[in-house]
Amino acid sequence: FEGDPQRYRGPGEVDRLRATRDCLTKFRESVTAAKLLEGGDLDAIDAEVMDAIEAAVQAARAAPRPTADDVLADVYIAY
């Protein structure tokens, strides 16, 4: 949960877990160790994903702002 301040965790614990248990890092390590993919292949996939994200961000920024009617459409409560 992103709103959780995680005060119950020790200093540096989250950084350590991200460095050692990140699922994407573990995937990269396992598929390259098994020789299923090469690092360059994964780098190309990463670049393609980043391009798709950037295109989506640019499209969202270029889109017209929603009207009040658009914002309230399909909200299942009336005030």
PDB file of N, CA and C in Angstrom:
ATOM      1  N   PHE A   1       0.844  -1.173   0.000  1.00  0.00           N
ATOM      2  CA  PHE A   1       0.000   0.000   0.000  1.00  0.00           C
ATOM      3  C   PHE A   1       0.886   1.231   0.000  1.00  0.00           C
ATOM      4  N   GLU A   2       0.741   2.077  -0.987  1.00  0.00           N
ATOM      5  CA  GLU A   2       1.643   3.217  -1.135  1.00  0.00           C
ATOM      6  C   GLU A   2       1.444   4.285  -0.071  1.00  0.00           C
ATOM      7  N   GLY A   3       0.289   4.335   0.566  1.00  0.00           N
ATOM      8  CA  GLY A   3       0.061   5.333   1.603  1.00  0.00           C
ATOM      9  C   GLY A   3       0.605   4.920   2.956  1.00  0.00           C
ATOM     10  N   ASP A   4       1.127   3.708   3.053  1.00  0.00           N
ATOM     11  CA  ASP A   4       1.661   3.191   4.311  1.00  0.00           C
ATOM     12  C   ASP A   4       3.046   3.782   4.564  1.00  0.00           C
ATOM     13  N   PRO A   5       3.231   4.550   5.633  1.00  0.00           N
ATOM     14  CA  PRO A   5       4.545   5.142   5.894  1.00  0.00           C
ATOM     15  C   PRO A   5       5.594   4.118   6.333  1.00  0.00           C
ATOM     16  N   GLN A   6       5.180   2.913   6.657  1.00  0.00           N
ATOM     17  CA  GLN A   6       6.070   1.799   7.019  1.00  0.00           C
ATOM     18  C   GLN A   6       7.017   2.158   8.157  1.00  0.00           C
ATOM     19  N   ARG A   7       6.503   2.808   9.169  1.00  0.00           N
ATOM     20  CA  ARG A   7       7.325   3.176  10.324  1.00  0.00           C
ATOM     21  C   ARG A   7       7.789   1.956  11.111  1.00  0.00           C
ATOM     22  N   TYR A   8       7.168   0.822  10.883  1.00  0.00           N
ATOM     23  CA  TYR A   8       7.530  -0.408  11.581  1.00  0.00           C
ATOM     24  C   TYR A   8       8.771  -1.060  10.972  1.00  0.00           C
ATOM     25  N   ARG A   9       9.255  -0.558   9.861  1.00  0.00           N
ATOM     26  CA  ARG A   9      10.454  -1.115   9.220  1.00  0.00           C
ATOM     27  C   ARG A   9      11.697  -0.382   9.711  1.00  0.00           C
ATOM     28  N   GLY A  10      12.779  -1.132   9.810  1.00  0.00           N
ATOM     29  CA  GLY A  10      14.039  -0.547  10.243  1.00  0.00           C
ATOM     30  C   GLY A  10      14.644   0.343   9.173  1.00  0.00           C
ATOM     31  N   PRO A  11      15.604   1.187   9.566  1.00  0.00           N
ATOM     32  CA  PRO A  11      16.252   2.065   8.586  1.00  0.00           C
ATOM     33  C   PRO A  11      16.954   1.256   7.494  1.00  0.00           C
ATOM     34  N   GLY A  12      16.702   1.614   6.262  1.00  0.00           N
ATOM     35  CA  GLY A  12      17.352   0.943   5.142  1.00  0.00           C
ATOM     36  C   GLY A  12      16.726  -0.375   4.727  1.00  0.00           C
ATOM     37  N   GLU A  13      15.730  -0.851   5.466  1.00  0.00           N
ATOM     38  CA  GLU A  13      15.140  -2.155   5.147  1.00  0.00           C
ATOM     39  C   GLU A  13      14.470  -2.160   3.775  1.00  0.00           C
ATOM     40  N   VAL A  14      13.710  -1.126   3.480  1.00  0.00           N
ATOM     41  CA  VAL A  14      13.014  -1.070   2.192  1.00  0.00           C
ATOM     42  C   VAL A  14      14.025  -1.013   1.051  1.00  0.00           C
ATOM     43  N   ASP A  15      15.067  -0.204   1.196  1.00  0.00           N
ATOM     44  CA  ASP A  15      16.101  -0.119   0.159  1.00  0.00           C
ATOM     45  C   ASP A  15      16.789  -1.464  -0.031  1.00  0.00           C
ATOM     46  N   ARG A  16      17.072  -2.156   1.075  1.00  0.00           N
ATOM     47  CA  ARG A  16      17.719  -3.472   0.993  1.00  0.00           C
ATOM     48  C   ARG A  16      16.809  -4.474   0.280  1.00  0.00           C
ATOM     49  N   LEU A  17      15.530  -4.464   0.620  1.00  0.00           N
ATOM     50  CA  LEU A  17      14.593  -5.388  -0.021  1.00  0.00           C
ATOM     51  C   LEU A  17      14.450  -5.087  -1.508  1.00  0.00           C
ATOM     52  N   ARG A  18      14.390  -3.814  -1.853  1.00  0.00           N
ATOM     53  CA  ARG A  18      14.297  -3.459  -3.272  1.00  0.00           C
ATOM     54  C   ARG A  18      15.537  -3.910  -4.030  1.00  0.00           C
ATOM     55  N   ALA A  19      16.684  -3.821  -3.384  1.00  0.00           N
ATOM     56  CA  ALA A  19      17.938  -4.203  -4.037  1.00  0.00           C
ATOM     57  C   ALA A  19      18.089  -5.715  -4.160  1.00  0.00           C
ATOM     58  N   THR A  20      17.499  -6.474  -3.240  1.00  0.00           N
ATOM     59  CA  THR A  20      17.726  -7.924  -3.235  1.00  0.00           C
ATOM     60  C   THR A  20      16.523  -8.748  -3.655  1.00  0.00           C
ATOM     61  N   ARG A  21      15.315  -8.177  -3.633  1.00  0.00           N
ATOM     62  CA  ARG A  21      14.125  -8.982  -3.907  1.00  0.00           C
ATOM     63  C   ARG A  21      13.237  -8.410  -5.000  1.00  0.00           C
ATOM     64  N   ASP A  22      13.745  -7.463  -5.775  1.00  0.00           N
ATOM     65  CA  ASP A  22      12.964  -6.871  -6.854  1.00  0.00           C
ATOM     66  C   ASP A  22      12.633  -7.947  -7.885  1.00  0.00           C
ATOM     67  N   CYS A  23      11.355  -8.121  -8.194  1.00  0.00           N
ATOM     68  CA  CYS A  23      10.928  -9.205  -9.076  1.00  0.00           C
ATOM     69  C   CYS A  23      11.474  -9.052 -10.495  1.00  0.00           C
ATOM     70  N   LEU A  24      11.609  -7.829 -10.982  1.00  0.00           N
ATOM     71  CA  LEU A  24      12.131  -7.651 -12.337  1.00  0.00           C
ATOM     72  C   LEU A  24      13.617  -7.967 -12.404  1.00  0.00           C
ATOM     73  N   THR A  25      14.350  -7.595 -11.370  1.00  0.00           N
ATOM     74  CA  THR A  25      15.772  -7.927 -11.315  1.00  0.00           C
ATOM     75  C   THR A  25      15.955  -9.433 -11.234  1.00  0.00           C
ATOM     76  N   LYS A  26      15.150 -10.088 -10.396  1.00  0.00           N
ATOM     77  CA  LYS A  26      15.249 -11.547 -10.254  1.00  0.00           C
ATOM     78  C   LYS A  26      14.893 -12.241 -11.575  1.00  0.00           C
ATOM     79  N   PHE A  27      13.879 -11.729 -12.275  1.00  0.00           N
ATOM     80  CA  PHE A  27      13.509 -12.302 -13.568  1.00  0.00           C
ATOM     81  C   PHE A  27      14.665 -12.181 -14.547  1.00  0.00           C
ATOM     82  N   ARG A  28      15.248 -10.994 -14.627  1.00  0.00           N
ATOM     83  CA  ARG A  28      16.379 -10.762 -15.535  1.00  0.00           C
ATOM     84  C   ARG A  28      17.510 -11.737 -15.218  1.00  0.00           C
ATOM     85  N   GLU A  29      17.840 -11.878 -13.948  1.00  0.00           N
ATOM     86  CA  GLU A  29      18.920 -12.781 -13.546  1.00  0.00           C
ATOM     87  C   GLU A  29      18.607 -14.232 -13.904  1.00  0.00           C
ATOM     88  N   SER A  30      17.366 -14.655 -13.668  1.00  0.00           N
ATOM     89  CA  SER A  30      17.029 -16.062 -13.912  1.00  0.00           C
ATOM     90  C   SER A  30      16.985 -16.399 -15.400  1.00  0.00           C
ATOM     91  N   VAL A  31      16.427 -15.513 -16.229  1.00  0.00           N
ATOM     92  CA  VAL A  31      16.351 -15.845 -17.657  1.00  0.00           C
ATOM     93  C   VAL A  31      17.701 -15.739 -18.347  1.00  0.00           C
ATOM     94  N   THR A  32      18.554 -14.835 -17.875  1.00  0.00           N
ATOM     95  CA  THR A  32      19.896 -14.769 -18.470  1.00  0.00           C
ATOM     96  C   THR A  32      20.749 -15.935 -17.994  1.00  0.00           C
ATOM     97  N   ALA A  33      20.592 -16.346 -16.734  1.00  0.00           N
ATOM     98  CA  ALA A  33      21.343 -17.499 -16.226  1.00  0.00           C
ATOM     99  C   ALA A  33      20.927 -18.773 -16.954  1.00  0.00           C
ATOM    100  N   ALA A  34      19.635 -18.882 -17.282  1.00  0.00           N
ATOM    101  CA  ALA A  34      19.132 -20.059 -17.991  1.00  0.00           C
ATOM    102  C   ALA A  34      19.359 -19.952 -19.497  1.00  0.00           C
ATOM    103  N   LYS A  35      19.951 -18.853 -19.934  1.00  0.00           N
ATOM    104  CA  LYS A  35      20.234 -18.596 -21.347  1.00  0.00           C
ATOM    105  C   LYS A  35      18.962 -18.590 -22.210  1.00  0.00           C
ATOM    106  N   LEU A  36      17.874 -18.130 -21.606  1.00  0.00           N
ATOM    107  CA  LEU A  36      16.623 -17.993 -22.350  1.00  0.00           C
ATOM    108  C   LEU A  36      16.591 -16.670 -23.110  1.00  0.00           C
ATOM    109  N   LEU A  37      17.189 -15.653 -22.524  1.00  0.00           N
ATOM    110  CA  LEU A  37      17.297 -14.333 -23.147  1.00  0.00           C
ATOM    111  C   LEU A  37      18.668 -13.764 -22.824  1.00  0.00           C
ATOM    112  N   GLU A  38      19.103 -12.842 -23.653  1.00  0.00           N
ATOM    113  CA  GLU A  38      20.366 -12.158 -23.392  1.00  0.00           C
ATOM    114  C   GLU A  38      20.070 -10.771 -22.836  1.00  0.00           C
ATOM    115  N   GLY A  39      21.045 -10.213 -22.155  1.00  0.00           N
ATOM    116  CA  GLY A  39      20.870  -8.888 -21.567  1.00  0.00           C
ATOM    117  C   GLY A  39      20.453  -7.846 -22.583  1.00  0.00           C
ATOM    118  N   GLY A  40      21.010  -7.927 -23.795  1.00  0.00           N
ATOM    119  CA  GLY A  40      20.653  -6.971 -24.843  1.00  0.00           C
ATOM    120  C   GLY A  40      19.195  -7.076 -25.240  1.00  0.00           C
ATOM    121  N   ASP A  41      18.668  -8.310 -25.254  1.00  0.00           N
ATOM    122  CA  ASP A  41      17.249  -8.505 -25.566  1.00  0.00           C
ATOM    123  C   ASP A  41      16.380  -7.821 -24.512  1.00  0.00           C
ATOM    124  N   LEU A  42      16.757  -8.008 -23.257  1.00  0.00           N
ATOM    125  CA  LEU A  42      15.992  -7.403 -22.171  1.00  0.00           C
ATOM    126  C   LEU A  42      16.122  -5.880 -22.180  1.00  0.00           C
ATOM    127  N   ASP A  43      17.303  -5.386 -22.531  1.00  0.00           N
ATOM    128  CA  ASP A  43      17.486  -3.938 -22.643  1.00  0.00           C
ATOM    129  C   ASP A  43      16.592  -3.367 -23.740  1.00  0.00           C
ATOM    130  N   ALA A  44      16.464  -4.097 -24.849  1.00  0.00           N
ATOM    131  CA  ALA A  44      15.601  -3.652 -25.951  1.00  0.00           C
ATOM    132  C   ALA A  44      14.140  -3.627 -25.510  1.00  0.00           C
ATOM    133  N   ILE A  45      13.727  -4.637 -24.750  1.00  0.00           N
ATOM    134  CA  ILE A  45      12.356  -4.673 -24.235  1.00  0.00           C
ATOM    135  C   ILE A  45      12.133  -3.498 -23.293  1.00  0.00           C
ATOM    136  N   ASP A  46      13.097  -3.249 -22.407  1.00  0.00           N
ATOM    137  CA  ASP A  46      12.986  -2.114 -21.482  1.00  0.00           C
ATOM    138  C   ASP A  46      12.831  -0.803 -22.246  1.00  0.00           C
ATOM    139  N   ALA A  47      13.625  -0.615 -23.290  1.00  0.00           N
ATOM    140  CA  ALA A  47      13.560   0.616 -24.083  1.00  0.00           C
ATOM    141  C   ALA A  47      12.205   0.742 -24.773  1.00  0.00           C
ATOM    142  N   GLU A  48      11.690  -0.367 -25.283  1.00  0.00           N
ATOM    143  CA  GLU A  48      10.388  -0.361 -25.954  1.00  0.00           C
ATOM    144  C   GLU A  48       9.282   0.013 -24.969  1.00  0.00           C
ATOM    145  N   VAL A  49       9.357  -0.535 -23.771  1.00  0.00           N
ATOM    146  CA  VAL A  49       8.360  -0.223 -22.744  1.00  0.00           C
ATOM    147  C   VAL A  49       8.435   1.249 -22.356  1.00  0.00           C
ATOM    148  N   MET A  50       9.638   1.760 -22.174  1.00  0.00           N
ATOM    149  CA  MET A  50       9.793   3.172 -21.820  1.00  0.00           C
ATOM    150  C   MET A  50       9.255   4.078 -22.928  1.00  0.00           C
ATOM    151  N   ASP A  51       9.461   3.694 -24.186  1.00  0.00           N
ATOM    152  CA  ASP A  51       8.914   4.464 -25.306  1.00  0.00           C
ATOM    153  C   ASP A  51       7.389   4.457 -25.277  1.00  0.00           C
ATOM    154  N   ALA A  52       6.794   3.297 -24.983  1.00  0.00           N
ATOM    155  CA  ALA A  52       5.336   3.195 -24.914  1.00  0.00           C
ATOM    156  C   ALA A  52       4.787   4.044 -23.768  1.00  0.00           C
ATOM    157  N   ILE A  53       5.471   4.030 -22.641  1.00  0.00           N
ATOM    158  CA  ILE A  53       5.042   4.848 -21.504  1.00  0.00           C
ATOM    159  C   ILE A  53       5.134   6.327 -21.856  1.00  0.00           C
ATOM    160  N   GLU A  54       6.227   6.726 -22.458  1.00  0.00           N
ATOM    161  CA  GLU A  54       6.408   8.135 -22.836  1.00  0.00           C
ATOM    162  C   GLU A  54       5.339   8.565 -23.843  1.00  0.00           C
ATOM    163  N   ALA A  55       5.012   7.704 -24.802  1.00  0.00           N
ATOM    164  CA  ALA A  55       3.967   8.023 -25.781  1.00  0.00           C
ATOM    165  C   ALA A  55       2.619   8.183 -25.089  1.00  0.00           C
ATOM    166  N   ALA A  56       2.321   7.329 -24.120  1.00  0.00           N
ATOM    167  CA  ALA A  56       1.060   7.428 -23.390  1.00  0.00           C
ATOM    168  C   ALA A  56       0.999   8.715 -22.575  1.00  0.00           C
ATOM    169  N   VAL A  57       2.103   9.077 -21.951  1.00  0.00           N
ATOM    170  CA  VAL A  57       2.154  10.322 -21.177  1.00  0.00           C
ATOM    171  C   VAL A  57       1.936  11.518 -22.092  1.00  0.00           C
ATOM    172  N   GLN A  58       2.607  11.535 -23.232  1.00  0.00           N
ATOM    173  CA  GLN A  58       2.455  12.651 -24.171  1.00  0.00           C
ATOM    174  C   GLN A  58       1.021  12.734 -24.700  1.00  0.00           C
ATOM    175  N   ALA A  59       0.404  11.576 -24.984  1.00  0.00           N
ATOM    176  CA  ALA A  59      -0.982  11.568 -25.460  1.00  0.00           C
ATOM    177  C   ALA A  59      -1.916  12.109 -24.385  1.00  0.00           C
ATOM    178  N   ALA A  60      -1.683  11.729 -23.144  1.00  0.00           N
ATOM    179  CA  ALA A  60      -2.527  12.218 -22.049  1.00  0.00           C
ATOM    180  C   ALA A  60      -2.367  13.721 -21.872  1.00  0.00           C
ATOM    181  N   ARG A  61      -1.149  14.204 -21.981  1.00  0.00           N
ATOM    182  CA  ARG A  61      -0.912  15.645 -21.835  1.00  0.00           C
ATOM    183  C   ARG A  61      -1.519  16.438 -22.986  1.00  0.00           C
ATOM    184  N   ALA A  62      -1.554  15.857 -24.169  1.00  0.00           N
ATOM    185  CA  ALA A  62      -2.090  16.543 -25.344  1.00  0.00           C
ATOM    186  C   ALA A  62      -3.615  16.472 -25.412  1.00  0.00           C
ATOM    187  N   ALA A  63      -4.217  15.558 -24.687  1.00  0.00           N
ATOM    188  CA  ALA A  63      -5.669  15.377 -24.732  1.00  0.00           C
ATOM    189  C   ALA A  63      -6.365  16.568 -24.076  1.00  0.00           C
ATOM    190  N   PRO A  64      -7.567  16.880 -24.563  1.00  0.00           N
ATOM    191  CA  PRO A  64      -8.304  17.978 -23.934  1.00  0.00           C
ATOM    192  C   PRO A  64      -8.692  17.613 -22.500  1.00  0.00           C
ATOM    193  N   ARG A  65      -8.774  18.637 -21.660  1.00  0.00           N
ATOM    194  CA  ARG A  65      -9.165  18.392 -20.274  1.00  0.00           C
ATOM    195  C   ARG A  65     -10.620  17.934 -20.251  1.00  0.00           C
ATOM    196  N   PRO A  66     -10.957  17.024 -19.357  1.00  0.00           N
ATOM    197  CA  PRO A  66     -12.341  16.545 -19.290  1.00  0.00           C
ATOM    198  C   PRO A  66     -13.274  17.634 -18.760  1.00  0.00           C
ATOM    199  N   THR A  67     -14.504  17.575 -19.230  1.00  0.00           N
ATOM    200  CA  THR A  67     -15.521  18.500 -18.721  1.00  0.00           C
ATOM    201  C   THR A  67     -16.053  17.949 -17.401  1.00  0.00           C
ATOM    202  N   ALA A  68     -16.826  18.760 -16.703  1.00  0.00           N
ATOM    203  CA  ALA A  68     -17.435  18.306 -15.447  1.00  0.00           C
ATOM    204  C   ALA A  68     -18.333  17.101 -15.709  1.00  0.00           C
ATOM    205  N   ASP A  69     -19.057  17.119 -16.837  1.00  0.00           N
ATOM    206  CA  ASP A  69     -19.919  15.980 -17.168  1.00  0.00           C
ATOM    207  C   ASP A  69     -19.096  14.711 -17.377  1.00  0.00           C
ATOM    208  N   ASP A  70     -17.944  14.850 -18.029  1.00  0.00           N
ATOM    209  CA  ASP A  70     -17.074  13.688 -18.240  1.00  0.00           C
ATOM    210  C   ASP A  70     -16.575  13.128 -16.910  1.00  0.00           C
ATOM    211  N   VAL A  71     -16.195  14.026 -16.026  1.00  0.00           N
ATOM    212  CA  VAL A  71     -15.641  13.599 -14.742  1.00  0.00           C
ATOM    213  C   VAL A  71     -16.689  12.870 -13.916  1.00  0.00           C
ATOM    214  N   LEU A  72     -17.926  13.307 -14.009  1.00  0.00           N
ATOM    215  CA  LEU A  72     -18.984  12.716 -13.198  1.00  0.00           C
ATOM    216  C   LEU A  72     -19.684  11.543 -13.874  1.00  0.00           C
ATOM    217  N   ALA A  73     -19.342  11.246 -15.114  1.00  0.00           N
ATOM    218  CA  ALA A  73     -19.984  10.136 -15.828  1.00  0.00           C
ATOM    219  C   ALA A  73     -19.621   8.811 -15.164  1.00  0.00           C
ATOM    220  N   ASP A  74     -20.594   7.936 -15.075  1.00  0.00           N
ATOM    221  CA  ASP A  74     -20.423   6.581 -14.549  1.00  0.00           C
ATOM    222  C   ASP A  74     -20.012   6.542 -13.080  1.00  0.00           C
ATOM    223  N   VAL A  75     -20.300   7.593 -12.355  1.00  0.00           N
ATOM    224  CA  VAL A  75     -20.113   7.576 -10.905  1.00  0.00           C
ATOM    225  C   VAL A  75     -21.450   7.139 -10.335  1.00  0.00           C
ATOM    226  N   TYR A  76     -21.446   6.105  -9.528  1.00  0.00           N
ATOM    227  CA  TYR A  76     -22.686   5.452  -9.132  1.00  0.00           C
ATOM    228  C   TYR A  76     -23.277   5.988  -7.838  1.00  0.00           C
ATOM    229  N   ILE A  77     -23.103   7.258  -7.593  1.00  0.00           N
ATOM    230  CA  ILE A  77     -23.722   7.863  -6.425  1.00  0.00           C
ATOM    231  C   ILE A  77     -24.137   9.280  -6.800  1.00  0.00           C
ATOM    232  N   ALA A  78     -25.245   9.725  -6.270  1.00  0.00           N
ATOM    233  CA  ALA A  78     -25.715  11.080  -6.553  1.00  0.00           C
ATOM    234  C   ALA A  78     -25.586  11.905  -5.279  1.00  0.00           C
ATOM    235  N   TYR A  79     -25.095  13.100  -5.418  1.00  0.00           N
ATOM    236  CA  TYR A  79     -24.944  13.990  -4.263  1.00  0.00           C
ATOM    237  C   TYR A  79     -25.980  15.068  -4.308  1.00  0.00           C
TER     238      TYR A  79
END
